[in-house]
Amino acid sequence: MLPCCLRYQCASLLRANVLVLGSLALAFRVSGFPANRPAPWILLPVLVAFFGTVETFRCLRLRWSLYHAAVLISLYMDMMALMMILFLALYPYARWLM
């Protein structure tokens, strides 16, 4: 029997945060930061981070509690990480900035 954080049927905040932060680290690695270069493989971290954000949404509860507040903070972190990954994906194509 697998633990709850590895089963998809259970909502797991740990799995969601690992997916998002792991995809952010992978995006930095794939983009070649700080010398950003165009890389089509950066779409994989974008999709994984989006899936991690959906996993975080699954952890929300109806009643307010400290756990609910932690999930909201994790959602804000997910959005910031997703925007950073999208920036790393789109910045090499922005020739008008140079």
Protein backbone atom coordinates (compact mmCIF):
# COMPACT_ATOMS: atom_id res chain seq x y z
CA MET A 1 0.00 0.00 0.00
CA LEU A 2 1.38 3.38 -1.01
CA PRO A 3 1.44 6.31 1.41
CA CYS A 4 -1.22 8.97 0.92
CA CYS A 5 1.21 11.50 -0.54
CA LEU A 6 1.91 9.14 -3.47
CA ARG A 7 -1.69 8.16 -4.28
CA TYR A 8 -3.54 10.43 -6.69
CA GLN A 9 -6.92 9.84 -5.04
CA CYS A 10 -5.78 11.61 -1.86
CA ALA A 11 -5.20 15.34 -1.94
CA SER A 12 -1.64 15.98 -0.79
CA LEU A 13 -0.17 19.42 -0.15
CA LEU A 14 3.31 17.92 0.07
CA ARG A 15 3.02 16.37 -3.40
CA ALA A 16 1.71 19.65 -4.83
CA ASN A 17 4.54 21.73 -3.37
CA VAL A 18 7.19 19.24 -4.50
CA LEU A 19 5.78 19.28 -8.04
CA VAL A 20 5.78 23.08 -8.25
CA LEU A 21 9.18 23.69 -6.65
CA GLY A 22 10.74 20.81 -8.57
CA SER A 23 9.44 22.20 -11.85
CA LEU A 24 10.82 25.64 -10.93
CA ALA A 25 14.27 24.12 -10.34
CA LEU A 26 13.99 22.18 -13.60
CA ALA A 27 12.98 25.35 -15.46
CA PHE A 28 16.07 27.17 -14.20
CA ARG A 29 18.21 24.23 -15.32
CA VAL A 30 16.59 23.89 -18.76
CA SER A 31 16.58 27.61 -19.57
CA GLY A 32 20.27 27.99 -18.84
CA PHE A 33 19.76 30.85 -16.39
CA PRO A 34 21.33 33.52 -16.25
CA ALA A 35 22.11 33.31 -19.98
CA ASN A 36 18.55 32.47 -21.02
CA ARG A 37 18.26 30.69 -24.32
CA PRO A 38 15.21 29.48 -26.23
CA ALA A 39 14.38 25.93 -25.21
CA PRO A 40 11.22 24.07 -26.22
CA TRP A 41 11.73 21.63 -23.31
CA ILE A 42 10.71 24.34 -20.86
CA LEU A 43 7.07 23.55 -21.64
CA LEU A 44 7.41 20.41 -19.51
CA PRO A 45 8.05 22.39 -16.28
CA VAL A 46 5.17 24.71 -17.18
CA LEU A 47 2.77 21.77 -17.42
CA VAL A 48 4.08 20.13 -14.24
CA ALA A 49 3.79 23.41 -12.30
CA PHE A 50 0.23 23.87 -13.57
CA PHE A 51 -0.61 20.32 -12.47
CA GLY A 52 0.93 21.05 -9.06
CA THR A 53 -1.23 24.17 -8.74
CA VAL A 54 -4.33 22.11 -9.50
CA GLU A 55 -3.21 19.65 -6.82
CA THR A 56 -2.95 22.53 -4.35
CA PHE A 57 -6.50 23.64 -5.23
CA ARG A 58 -7.67 20.13 -4.42
CA CYS A 59 -6.36 20.58 -0.85
CA LEU A 60 -8.68 23.51 -0.05
CA ARG A 61 -11.36 22.87 2.55
CA LEU A 62 -14.72 24.55 3.01
CA ARG A 63 -14.21 25.71 6.59
CA TRP A 64 -11.57 28.25 7.59
CA SER A 65 -8.65 26.86 9.60
CA LEU A 66 -4.90 27.26 9.81
CA TYR A 67 -4.57 24.46 7.26
CA HIS A 68 -6.79 26.45 4.89
CA ALA A 69 -4.50 29.48 5.40
CA ALA A 70 -1.43 27.34 4.63
CA VAL A 71 -3.07 26.12 1.43
CA LEU A 72 -3.81 29.72 0.39
CA ILE A 73 -0.19 30.70 1.01
CA SER A 74 0.89 27.68 -1.03
CA LEU A 75 -1.40 28.83 -3.85
CA TYR A 76 0.28 32.23 -3.84
CA MET A 77 3.67 30.50 -3.95
CA ASP A 78 2.48 28.33 -6.84
CA MET A 79 1.35 31.38 -8.80
CA MET A 80 4.69 33.13 -8.26
CA ALA A 81 6.60 30.01 -9.34
CA LEU A 82 4.38 29.58 -12.39
CA MET A 83 4.94 33.20 -13.42
CA MET A 84 8.71 32.78 -13.00
CA ILE A 85 8.67 29.67 -15.18
CA LEU A 86 6.62 31.49 -17.84
CA PHE A 87 9.08 34.40 -17.68
CA LEU A 88 11.99 32.00 -18.23
CA ALA A 89 10.09 30.44 -21.13
CA LEU A 90 9.10 33.68 -22.89
CA TYR A 91 12.00 36.06 -22.17
CA PRO A 92 14.37 34.67 -24.85
CA TYR A 93 11.75 35.51 -27.48
CA ALA A 94 11.34 39.13 -26.36
CA ARG A 95 13.70 40.85 -28.81
CA TRP A 96 12.05 44.23 -28.21
CA LEU A 97 13.57 44.42 -24.71
CA MET A 98 17.14 44.42 -26.01
